[in-house]
Amino acid sequence: MPKADFIRLIRRTEARNDDELSGYLVETSSVKSLLSHENPAYIAIGLKGVGKSAAFKLLTTAPGADIVRAYNVENLTLSDSTKSTNTLNYAREMRFELAVQAVADLVESAQQNDHIRRKIPADIHQNAIALVDDLRGKLSEAFSQVGGFSFFGVGITRRASSAKKTAPLLEHITQEKYRSALEIIKSLKGIVSFRFLIDDPEAIFGFGGTPTIEMVAAICIAANDLNSSNENLKTIVTMKPNVFDSLLEVDEFVSIPVDCRARLSWSYTELKDVILKRAEVAKCPLNKIFDGNPDEILQRMAQESRTGPRDLLNRLIVHYQAFPDKAVSMALLDKTADKYSQLCLEQCTGPYERSYPGLVRSALVLFQGKDLRMNKKQMRRRFDDMIASDTEIQRHLKEPWLQVFDKYIDKLIDFGLLAVKKGTEIILPYHVDFYDSAKLDGAEYTYIPCFSPKINFLDQTTSRSKGPPLSRAR
């Protein structure tokens, strides 16, 4: 039945495991802009639930590149190195490996695809084959114990055939071989284009469950070097904001130009299409889904989302769990608001609580009471009051993010834990204008609407211990 099919499709909130996603994938402007070689942005930062996995799939299949290689933790398990090194050495090795991998993929694609083979000039094709054969011969014995050629060709990123085996550091790709690979890539400008995609590098480089942030920084540096020197090769790296936040502590990473960063975002129209396209695929009439004006109901759902698509889907899941036989209406959205609010809170607590304990709760405490629209000066006063009076927040006073007000506000913005008030409009964290608006000196902030039931609950239950304001660093 169409409605049953629609409900089945909205329950598919994890794009990584959705084999039907191509039928209702929404191509957002923020993702499509990453495909352009003219756009220097290649580090795509996205909140959990904003659609990084869907973006990864879109970037994998989108036109504009002849050869695409995509990696995430599901198709790549890395072994550790036999010895460690510094960030720039890791970046050098990864840069070498990416270049050689591009040439290896070129040779393989030419063998499998006549169209690609006919595009490549004969002399360049022969040079590519000679380079790959030469390296493969030298490396076949060295890597017989770690699974052969795969991601990046060789080196620290070797895929191990068992958890007990470790990969040697790069020894066989010399500067000369790297230059040869680079010359082949450059000579194909306007003929063959390459695209590398790396999703959640902290998971790929998480040896033993602990991300190696220097290696995440290294792949970003290597990508920057290759992207800036090759007009027909682009590497795109997608990551969560807390991972990006950690990268800012790596000296070498902060040298990457700021225009290389981009935020995955949605417009209201794009976000509504997440639901409308699923309805279309399920062949379910909108009057079977909505009791009232579909556009008005979707607009409200979008305005009560924090991260975008996953929140929107979860809102409908909560509705059908409570009212399986009823269409969505404004009145029924009111009745499921508490449960939806709890789900939204869980979605943002999970990614951040381990590294920033208490941060999410502080975003609720900050907007308790009547002052629901504040500029930075007003928020600073609320910040002082919060740490002086809230016993739960006081447990985390030694956390670095709570030591300096400006750093605290930056965390709330970067992790999408507040909204921006602009006239009568509320700009939410998933929206294309959010980060630019939130960073303005005169910005005014408010709570995210989906948190309203939780803020009201805190108003009723929070026990406050009165005392003089604490002295804070500025």
Protein backbone atom coordinates (compact mmCIF):
# COMPACT_ATOMS: atom_id res chain seq x y z
CA MET A 1 0.00 0.00 0.00
CA PRO A 2 1.31 3.52 -0.80
CA LYS A 3 1.07 4.85 2.77
CA ALA A 4 2.79 1.76 4.17
CA ASP A 5 5.56 2.19 1.58
CA PHE A 6 5.90 5.85 2.53
CA ILE A 7 6.27 4.99 6.24
CA ARG A 8 8.84 2.34 5.31
CA LEU A 9 10.86 4.92 3.39
CA ILE A 10 10.82 7.57 6.11
CA ARG A 11 12.17 5.00 8.58
CA ARG A 12 15.32 4.81 6.46
CA THR A 13 17.14 7.57 8.29
CA GLU A 14 20.66 6.18 7.72
CA ALA A 15 21.73 6.92 4.15
CA ARG A 16 24.81 4.73 4.41
CA ASN A 17 22.66 1.57 4.51
CA ASP A 18 19.81 2.73 2.25
CA ASP A 19 19.98 0.89 -1.07
CA GLU A 20 16.95 2.83 -2.38
CA LEU A 21 18.36 6.28 -1.64
CA SER A 22 19.05 7.13 -5.28
CA GLY A 23 15.31 7.22 -5.90
CA TYR A 24 14.72 10.12 -3.51
CA LEU A 25 18.17 11.64 -2.96
CA VAL A 26 17.99 15.42 -2.70
CA GLU A 27 20.85 17.24 -4.43
CA THR A 28 21.57 20.24 -2.23
CA SER A 29 23.39 23.34 -3.42
CA SER A 30 26.02 22.95 -0.70
CA VAL A 31 26.98 19.48 -1.93
CA LYS A 32 26.90 20.30 -5.63
CA SER A 33 29.20 23.26 -5.06
CA LEU A 34 31.89 20.90 -3.75
CA LEU A 35 32.10 19.19 -7.14
CA SER A 36 33.47 22.24 -8.89
CA HIS A 37 37.23 22.48 -9.32
CA GLU A 38 36.82 26.26 -9.34
CA ASN A 39 35.46 26.08 -5.78
CA PRO A 40 38.46 25.67 -3.43
CA ALA A 41 36.31 24.17 -0.65
CA TYR A 42 36.98 20.48 -0.07
CA ILE A 43 36.66 20.00 3.72
CA ALA A 44 32.92 19.49 4.16
CA ILE A 45 31.79 19.88 7.78
CA GLY A 46 28.39 18.52 8.71
CA LEU A 47 26.42 18.06 11.91
CA LYS A 48 25.34 14.54 12.75
CA GLY A 49 22.04 14.11 10.91
CA VAL A 50 22.64 16.83 8.32
CA GLY A 51 23.21 14.22 5.60
CA LYS A 52 26.95 13.53 5.36
CA SER A 53 26.41 9.93 4.26
CA ALA A 54 23.86 11.01 1.65
CA ALA A 55 26.30 13.70 0.47
CA PHE A 56 29.02 11.04 0.25
CA LYS A 57 26.81 8.91 -1.99
CA LEU A 58 25.85 11.88 -4.14
CA LEU A 59 29.48 12.93 -4.57
CA THR A 60 30.37 9.34 -5.48
CA THR A 61 27.87 9.12 -8.32
CA ALA A 62 27.67 12.73 -9.50
CA PRO A 63 28.92 13.55 -13.00
CA GLY A 64 31.98 15.69 -13.58
CA ALA A 65 34.76 13.17 -12.98
CA ASP A 66 35.94 10.26 -15.14
CA ILE A 67 37.53 8.36 -12.29
CA VAL A 68 36.06 8.35 -8.78
CA ARG A 69 37.39 6.54 -5.73
CA ALA A 70 35.40 6.77 -2.51
CA TYR A 71 36.37 5.57 0.95
CA ASN A 72 34.64 5.31 4.30
CA VAL A 73 35.01 3.09 7.34
CA GLU A 74 32.76 0.45 5.80
CA ASN A 75 34.97 -0.24 2.81
CA LEU A 76 38.32 0.42 4.42
CA THR A 77 39.97 -1.00 7.51
CA LEU A 78 43.44 0.40 8.11
CA SER A 79 46.38 -1.08 9.89
CA ASP A 80 48.69 0.91 12.11
CA SER A 81 52.19 1.90 11.06
CA THR A 82 55.32 0.14 12.21
CA LYS A 83 56.53 3.51 13.45
CA SER A 84 54.98 6.90 13.98
CA THR A 85 56.00 10.19 12.42
CA ASN A 86 54.89 13.81 12.43
CA THR A 87 51.92 15.36 10.65
CA LEU A 88 53.85 16.74 7.67
CA ASN A 89 55.57 13.41 7.03
CA TYR A 90 52.20 11.67 7.13
CA ALA A 91 50.89 14.30 4.70
CA ARG A 92 53.83 13.75 2.36
CA GLU A 93 53.24 9.99 2.31
CA MET A 94 49.52 10.39 1.75
CA ARG A 95 50.14 12.90 -1.04
CA PHE A 96 52.48 10.41 -2.73
CA GLU A 97 49.98 7.59 -2.26
CA LEU A 98 47.00 9.57 -3.58
CA ALA A 99 48.90 10.54 -6.72
CA VAL A 100 50.02 6.97 -7.41
CA GLN A 101 46.55 5.64 -6.64
CA ALA A 102 45.07 8.03 -9.21
CA VAL A 103 47.42 6.66 -11.86
CA ALA A 104 46.70 3.06 -10.84
CA ASP A 105 42.97 3.78 -11.12
CA LEU A 106 43.58 5.34 -14.52
CA VAL A 107 45.27 2.18 -15.79
CA GLU A 108 42.53 -0.04 -14.35
CA SER A 109 39.76 2.12 -15.78
CA ALA A 110 41.38 2.08 -19.21
CA GLN A 111 41.42 -1.73 -19.11
CA GLN A 112 37.72 -1.90 -18.21
CA ASN A 113 36.30 1.07 -20.11
CA ASP A 114 36.96 1.66 -23.81
CA HIS A 115 35.69 5.23 -23.57
CA ILE A 116 38.34 6.08 -20.96
CA ARG A 117 41.04 4.23 -22.89
CA ARG A 118 40.31 6.13 -26.12
CA LYS A 119 40.50 9.48 -24.30
CA ILE A 120 44.05 8.86 -23.00
CA PRO A 121 46.90 9.71 -25.43
CA ALA A 122 48.92 6.58 -26.19
CA ASP A 123 52.22 7.87 -24.80
CA ILE A 124 50.64 8.95 -21.51
CA HIS A 125 48.85 5.60 -21.24
CA GLN A 126 52.12 3.73 -21.71
CA ASN A 127 53.88 5.88 -19.10
CA ALA A 128 51.08 5.16 -16.63
CA ILE A 129 51.25 1.43 -17.24
CA ALA A 130 55.04 1.43 -16.83
CA LEU A 131 54.85 3.36 -13.54
CA VAL A 132 52.18 1.10 -12.05
CA ASP A 133 53.89 -2.12 -13.21
CA ASP A 134 57.21 -0.92 -11.79
CA LEU A 135 55.70 -0.13 -8.39
CA ARG A 136 53.55 -3.24 -8.31
CA GLY A 137 56.58 -5.42 -8.89
CA LYS A 138 58.56 -3.78 -6.11
CA LEU A 139 55.65 -3.82 -3.69
CA SER A 140 54.17 -7.26 -4.32
CA GLU A 141 56.55 -8.98 -1.95
CA ALA A 142 56.63 -6.18 0.63
CA PHE A 143 52.85 -6.15 0.93
CA SER A 144 52.05 -9.83 0.50
CA GLN A 145 51.33 -9.89 4.22
CA VAL A 146 48.98 -6.92 4.33
CA GLY A 147 46.48 -7.54 1.56
CA GLY A 148 48.02 -6.15 -1.65
CA PHE A 149 47.15 -2.93 -3.45
CA SER A 150 44.22 -0.93 -2.18
CA PHE A 151 43.65 2.50 -0.68
CA PHE A 152 46.39 5.04 -1.52
CA GLY A 153 48.54 2.31 -3.01
CA VAL A 154 50.97 1.68 -0.14
CA GLY A 155 52.42 3.03 3.09
CA ILE A 156 50.85 3.93 6.40
CA THR A 157 47.35 3.47 5.06
CA ARG A 158 47.74 -0.19 4.17
CA ARG A 159 44.74 -2.41 4.61
CA ALA A 160 45.83 -5.29 6.85
CA SER A 161 44.64 -8.85 6.22
CA SER A 162 44.49 -9.39 9.97
CA ALA A 163 44.35 -7.15 13.01
CA LYS A 164 47.77 -8.36 14.15
CA LYS A 165 49.63 -7.25 11.05
CA THR A 166 50.97 -3.75 10.65
CA ALA A 167 51.91 -1.82 7.57
CA PRO A 168 55.40 -0.51 6.85
CA LEU A 169 55.79 3.18 6.29
CA LEU A 170 56.16 4.37 2.74
CA GLU A 171 59.51 3.28 1.36
CA HIS A 172 58.90 2.40 -2.26
CA ILE A 173 57.20 5.51 -3.65
CA THR A 174 60.12 7.87 -4.07
CA GLN A 175 59.98 11.57 -4.87
CA GLU A 176 60.83 10.62 -8.47
CA LYS A 177 57.87 8.21 -8.72
CA TYR A 178 55.57 10.79 -7.17
CA ARG A 179 56.66 13.40 -9.72
CA SER A 180 56.08 10.91 -12.53
CA ALA A 181 52.56 10.23 -11.26
CA LEU A 182 51.93 13.96 -10.94
CA GLU A 183 53.13 14.60 -14.49
CA ILE A 184 50.74 11.95 -15.82
CA ILE A 185 47.82 13.52 -13.93
CA LYS A 186 48.70 17.05 -15.09
CA SER A 187 49.13 15.95 -18.70
CA LEU A 188 45.52 14.72 -18.67
CA LYS A 189 44.09 18.15 -17.83
CA GLY A 190 41.00 18.69 -19.97
CA ILE A 191 41.03 14.99 -20.91
CA VAL A 192 40.52 12.91 -17.76
CA SER A 193 39.42 14.16 -14.33
CA PHE A 194 39.79 12.45 -10.94
CA ARG A 195 37.79 12.64 -7.71
CA PHE A 196 38.72 11.16 -4.31
CA LEU A 197 36.16 11.09 -1.49
CA ILE A 198 36.96 10.37 2.16
CA ASP A 199 34.10 10.15 4.65
CA ASP A 200 34.62 10.37 8.44
CA PRO A 201 38.43 10.09 8.38
CA GLU A 202 38.53 9.93 12.19
CA ALA A 203 36.82 6.54 11.94
CA ILE A 204 39.17 5.34 9.18
CA PHE A 205 42.25 6.39 11.16
CA GLY A 206 40.85 5.25 14.50
CA PHE A 207 43.34 2.55 15.35
CA GLY A 208 42.06 0.59 18.31
CA GLY A 209 39.05 2.91 18.51
CA THR A 210 41.17 6.04 19.11
CA PRO A 211 41.28 8.52 16.23
CA THR A 212 44.75 9.73 15.29
CA ILE A 213 44.02 13.41 14.74
CA GLU A 214 47.47 14.04 13.23
CA MET A 215 46.64 11.57 10.45
CA VAL A 216 43.24 13.19 9.86
CA ALA A 217 45.05 16.53 9.60
CA ALA A 218 47.58 14.92 7.27
CA ILE A 219 45.00 13.70 4.77
CA CYS A 220 43.47 17.19 4.71
CA ILE A 221 46.89 18.74 4.09
CA ALA A 222 47.70 16.20 1.37
CA ALA A 223 44.34 16.87 -0.28
CA ASN A 224 44.97 20.62 -0.19
CA ASP A 225 48.38 20.21 -1.81
CA LEU A 226 47.02 18.05 -4.62
CA ASN A 227 43.85 20.05 -5.18
CA SER A 228 45.74 23.33 -5.46
CA SER A 229 48.29 21.98 -7.95
CA ASN A 230 46.03 19.84 -10.17
CA GLU A 231 43.01 21.33 -11.91
CA ASN A 232 41.70 17.88 -12.89
CA LEU A 233 41.96 16.20 -9.46
CA LYS A 234 39.87 16.98 -6.41
CA THR A 235 39.83 15.25 -3.05
CA ILE A 236 36.85 15.94 -0.77
CA VAL A 237 36.88 15.09 2.94
CA THR A 238 33.67 15.03 5.00
CA MET A 239 33.73 15.22 8.80
CA LYS A 240 31.77 16.14 11.92
CA PRO A 241 32.28 19.56 13.56
CA ASN A 242 33.84 18.09 16.72
CA VAL A 243 36.52 16.44 14.56
CA PHE A 244 37.15 19.69 12.73
CA ASP A 245 37.37 21.42 16.11
CA SER A 246 40.17 19.02 17.12
CA LEU A 247 42.03 19.71 13.87
CA LEU A 248 42.31 23.38 14.80
CA GLU A 249 44.74 22.33 17.53
CA VAL A 250 47.16 20.85 14.96
CA ASP A 251 49.65 23.56 13.98
CA GLU A 252 50.13 22.38 10.42
CA PHE A 253 46.39 22.15 9.73
CA VAL A 254 45.60 25.79 10.47
CA SER A 255 47.84 26.82 7.56
CA ILE A 256 45.20 25.52 5.13
CA PRO A 257 43.30 28.49 3.63
CA VAL A 258 39.95 29.14 5.29
CA ASP A 259 38.10 29.07 1.96
CA CYS A 260 38.85 25.34 1.78
CA ARG A 261 36.16 24.75 4.44
CA ALA A 262 32.45 24.41 3.71
CA ARG A 263 29.38 23.60 5.79
CA LEU A 264 26.84 21.07 4.59
CA SER A 265 23.50 22.88 4.69
CA TRP A 266 19.92 22.92 3.46
CA SER A 267 17.40 25.44 2.23
CA TYR A 268 13.76 25.06 3.32
CA THR A 269 12.81 23.96 -0.20
CA GLU A 270 15.51 21.29 -0.31
CA LEU A 271 14.55 20.03 3.13
CA LYS A 272 10.87 19.67 2.26
CA ASP A 273 11.90 17.58 -0.75
CA VAL A 274 13.27 14.95 1.65
CA ILE A 275 9.63 14.13 2.46
CA LEU A 276 7.99 14.99 -0.87
CA LYS A 277 10.35 12.78 -2.91
CA ARG A 278 9.69 9.81 -0.62
CA ALA A 279 5.96 10.36 -1.04
CA GLU A 280 6.42 10.45 -4.81
CA VAL A 281 8.45 7.22 -4.86
CA ALA A 282 5.86 5.51 -2.63
CA LYS A 283 3.08 6.90 -4.87
CA CYS A 284 1.35 8.11 -1.72
CA PRO A 285 -1.00 11.12 -2.15
CA LEU A 286 -0.15 14.00 0.16
CA ASN A 287 -3.70 14.04 1.54
CA LYS A 288 -3.02 10.59 2.95
CA ILE A 289 0.05 11.94 4.78
CA PHE A 290 -1.07 15.40 5.88
CA ASP A 291 -4.33 16.59 7.42
CA GLY A 292 -4.13 20.21 6.36
CA ASN A 293 -1.96 22.26 4.01
CA PRO A 294 1.13 20.07 3.30
CA ASP A 295 3.38 23.08 2.70
CA GLU A 296 2.41 24.73 5.99
CA ILE A 297 2.88 21.52 7.98
CA LEU A 298 6.25 20.81 6.32
CA GLN A 299 7.29 24.40 6.96
CA ARG A 300 6.57 23.97 10.67
CA MET A 301 8.45 20.66 10.75
CA ALA A 302 11.44 22.28 9.04
CA GLN A 303 11.36 25.19 11.51
CA GLU A 304 11.42 22.73 14.41
CA SER A 305 14.40 20.77 13.09
CA ARG A 306 17.99 21.26 14.22
CA THR A 307 20.14 19.29 11.78
CA GLY A 308 17.73 18.97 8.88
CA PRO A 309 16.79 15.71 7.13
CA ARG A 310 17.16 13.22 9.97
CA ASP A 311 15.16 15.42 12.35
CA LEU A 312 12.45 15.80 9.74
CA LEU A 313 12.22 12.03 9.24
CA ASN A 314 12.29 11.40 12.98
CA ARG A 315 9.42 13.83 13.44
CA LEU A 316 7.25 11.69 11.18
CA ILE A 317 8.44 8.46 12.79
CA VAL A 318 7.41 9.80 16.20
CA HIS A 319 4.03 10.79 14.79
CA TYR A 320 3.27 7.40 13.25
CA GLN A 321 4.46 5.63 16.37
CA ALA A 322 1.89 7.58 18.40
CA PHE A 323 -0.86 7.83 15.76
CA PRO A 324 -0.32 5.03 13.22
CA ASP A 325 -3.67 5.54 11.48
CA LYS A 326 -3.85 9.32 11.48
CA ALA A 327 -2.51 11.88 9.03
CA VAL A 328 -0.11 14.53 10.29
CA SER A 329 -1.78 17.73 11.49
CA MET A 330 -0.69 20.80 13.41
CA ALA A 331 -2.63 19.61 16.46
CA LEU A 332 -1.03 16.16 16.44
CA LEU A 333 2.43 17.68 16.07
CA ASP A 334 1.73 19.49 19.34
CA LYS A 335 0.88 16.20 21.02
CA THR A 336 4.16 14.53 19.99
CA ALA A 337 6.37 17.57 20.69
CA ASP A 338 7.75 16.24 24.01
CA LYS A 339 8.85 12.91 22.58
CA TYR A 340 10.33 14.55 19.50
CA SER A 341 12.21 17.03 21.72
CA GLN A 342 13.74 14.16 23.69
CA LEU A 343 14.85 12.47 20.46
CA CYS A 344 16.45 15.69 19.19
CA LEU A 345 18.31 16.03 22.48
CA GLU A 346 19.64 12.47 22.21
CA GLN A 347 20.78 13.11 18.63
CA CYS A 348 23.02 16.00 19.68
CA THR A 349 24.10 14.66 23.09
CA GLY A 350 25.60 11.47 21.66
CA PRO A 351 28.23 13.05 19.38
CA TYR A 352 29.46 15.63 21.90
CA GLU A 353 28.97 14.45 25.48
CA ARG A 354 32.18 12.43 25.67
CA SER A 355 34.44 15.26 24.52
CA TYR A 356 32.37 18.15 25.90
CA PRO A 357 30.46 16.87 28.94
CA GLY A 358 27.66 19.20 29.95
CA LEU A 359 27.76 21.33 26.79
CA VAL A 360 24.36 20.26 25.46
CA ARG A 361 22.65 20.74 28.81
CA SER A 362 24.19 24.19 29.09
CA ALA A 363 22.49 25.18 25.82
CA LEU A 364 19.15 24.44 27.47
CA VAL A 365 19.99 26.16 30.76
CA LEU A 366 21.21 29.26 28.92
CA PHE A 367 17.75 29.97 27.53
CA GLN A 368 15.71 29.27 30.64
CA GLY A 369 13.35 32.05 31.65
CA LYS A 370 11.94 34.90 29.61
CA ASP A 371 15.01 36.34 27.83
CA LEU A 372 14.71 34.14 24.76
CA ARG A 373 16.47 36.57 22.41
CA MET A 374 19.93 37.71 23.41
CA ASN A 375 22.94 39.39 21.90
CA LYS A 376 26.45 38.45 23.02
CA LYS A 377 26.52 40.99 25.83
CA GLN A 378 23.29 39.65 27.28
CA MET A 379 24.45 36.08 26.82
CA ARG A 380 27.65 36.86 28.72
CA ARG A 381 25.56 37.88 31.74
CA ARG A 382 23.46 34.74 31.42
CA PHE A 383 26.65 32.71 31.14
CA ASP A 384 27.92 34.09 34.45
CA ASP A 385 24.57 33.46 36.10
CA MET A 386 24.45 29.92 34.75
CA ILE A 387 27.82 28.84 36.08
CA ALA A 388 27.12 30.52 39.42
CA SER A 389 23.72 28.96 39.99
CA ASP A 390 23.36 25.67 38.15
CA THR A 391 24.82 22.78 40.15
CA GLU A 392 24.98 20.46 37.12
CA ILE A 393 27.01 22.98 35.10
CA GLN A 394 29.31 23.57 38.07
CA ARG A 395 30.45 19.97 37.82
CA HIS A 396 32.14 20.84 34.52
CA LEU A 397 33.87 24.11 35.44
CA LYS A 398 37.30 22.65 34.66
CA GLU A 399 36.33 21.86 31.07
CA PRO A 400 38.29 24.10 28.63
CA TRP A 401 35.16 25.03 26.68
CA LEU A 402 33.67 26.52 29.85
CA GLN A 403 36.71 28.59 30.77
CA VAL A 404 36.27 31.45 28.29
CA PHE A 405 32.93 32.88 27.21
CA ASP A 406 33.90 33.45 23.55
CA LYS A 407 35.09 29.86 23.20
CA TYR A 408 31.86 28.67 24.79
CA ILE A 409 29.72 30.58 22.28
CA ASP A 410 31.87 29.30 19.41
CA LYS A 411 31.17 25.73 20.53
CA LEU A 412 27.42 26.35 20.65
CA ILE A 413 27.54 27.76 17.12
CA ASP A 414 29.88 25.15 15.63
CA PHE A 415 27.90 22.26 17.09
CA GLY A 416 24.51 23.72 16.21
CA LEU A 417 23.20 24.12 19.75
CA LEU A 418 21.50 27.50 19.34
CA ALA A 419 19.64 29.41 16.64
CA VAL A 420 20.01 32.93 15.24
CA LYS A 421 17.16 35.41 15.49
CA LYS A 422 16.98 37.78 12.52
CA GLY A 423 13.91 39.99 12.69
CA THR A 424 10.99 37.60 12.93
CA GLU A 425 12.96 34.79 11.29
CA ILE A 426 14.78 32.01 13.16
CA ILE A 427 17.85 30.72 11.31
CA LEU A 428 18.54 27.12 12.31
CA PRO A 429 21.87 25.23 12.34
CA TYR A 430 21.18 23.27 9.14
CA HIS A 431 20.33 26.39 7.13
CA VAL A 432 22.66 27.73 4.47
CA ASP A 433 22.83 31.18 6.16
CA PHE A 434 23.35 29.96 9.75
CA TYR A 435 27.13 30.16 10.24
CA ASP A 436 27.62 33.50 8.52
CA SER A 437 24.70 34.98 10.49
CA ALA A 438 25.83 33.48 13.81
CA LYS A 439 29.35 34.92 13.53
CA LEU A 440 28.22 38.53 12.99
CA ASP A 441 29.14 40.93 15.78
CA GLY A 442 25.54 42.09 16.18
CA ALA A 443 23.99 38.63 16.00
CA GLU A 444 21.11 37.79 18.31
CA TYR A 445 20.65 34.24 19.52
CA THR A 446 17.73 32.15 20.69
CA TYR A 447 16.92 28.56 21.54
CA ILE A 448 16.24 25.93 18.87
CA PRO A 449 12.44 25.42 18.77
CA CYS A 450 12.66 21.63 19.08
CA PHE A 451 14.31 22.13 22.51
CA SER A 452 11.39 24.17 23.86
CA PRO A 453 9.71 21.31 25.80
CA LYS A 454 13.04 20.44 27.45
CA ILE A 455 13.70 24.07 28.43
CA ASN A 456 10.21 24.28 29.92
CA PHE A 457 10.87 21.08 31.83
CA LEU A 458 14.11 22.52 33.25
CA ASP A 459 12.21 25.66 34.30
CA GLN A 460 9.93 23.48 36.38
CA THR A 461 12.44 21.03 37.86
CA THR A 462 15.94 22.52 38.01
CA SER A 463 17.14 23.06 41.55
CA ARG A 464 19.31 26.15 41.85
CA SER A 465 21.86 26.88 44.54
CA LYS A 466 22.17 30.64 45.03
CA GLY A 467 25.52 32.29 45.55
CA PRO A 468 27.76 35.11 44.33
CA PRO A 469 28.72 35.01 40.64
CA LEU A 470 31.93 33.13 39.94
CA SER A 471 34.95 34.97 38.60
CA ARG A 472 35.51 33.96 34.98
CA ALA A 473 38.33 34.34 32.49
CA ARG A 474 37.43 36.50 29.51
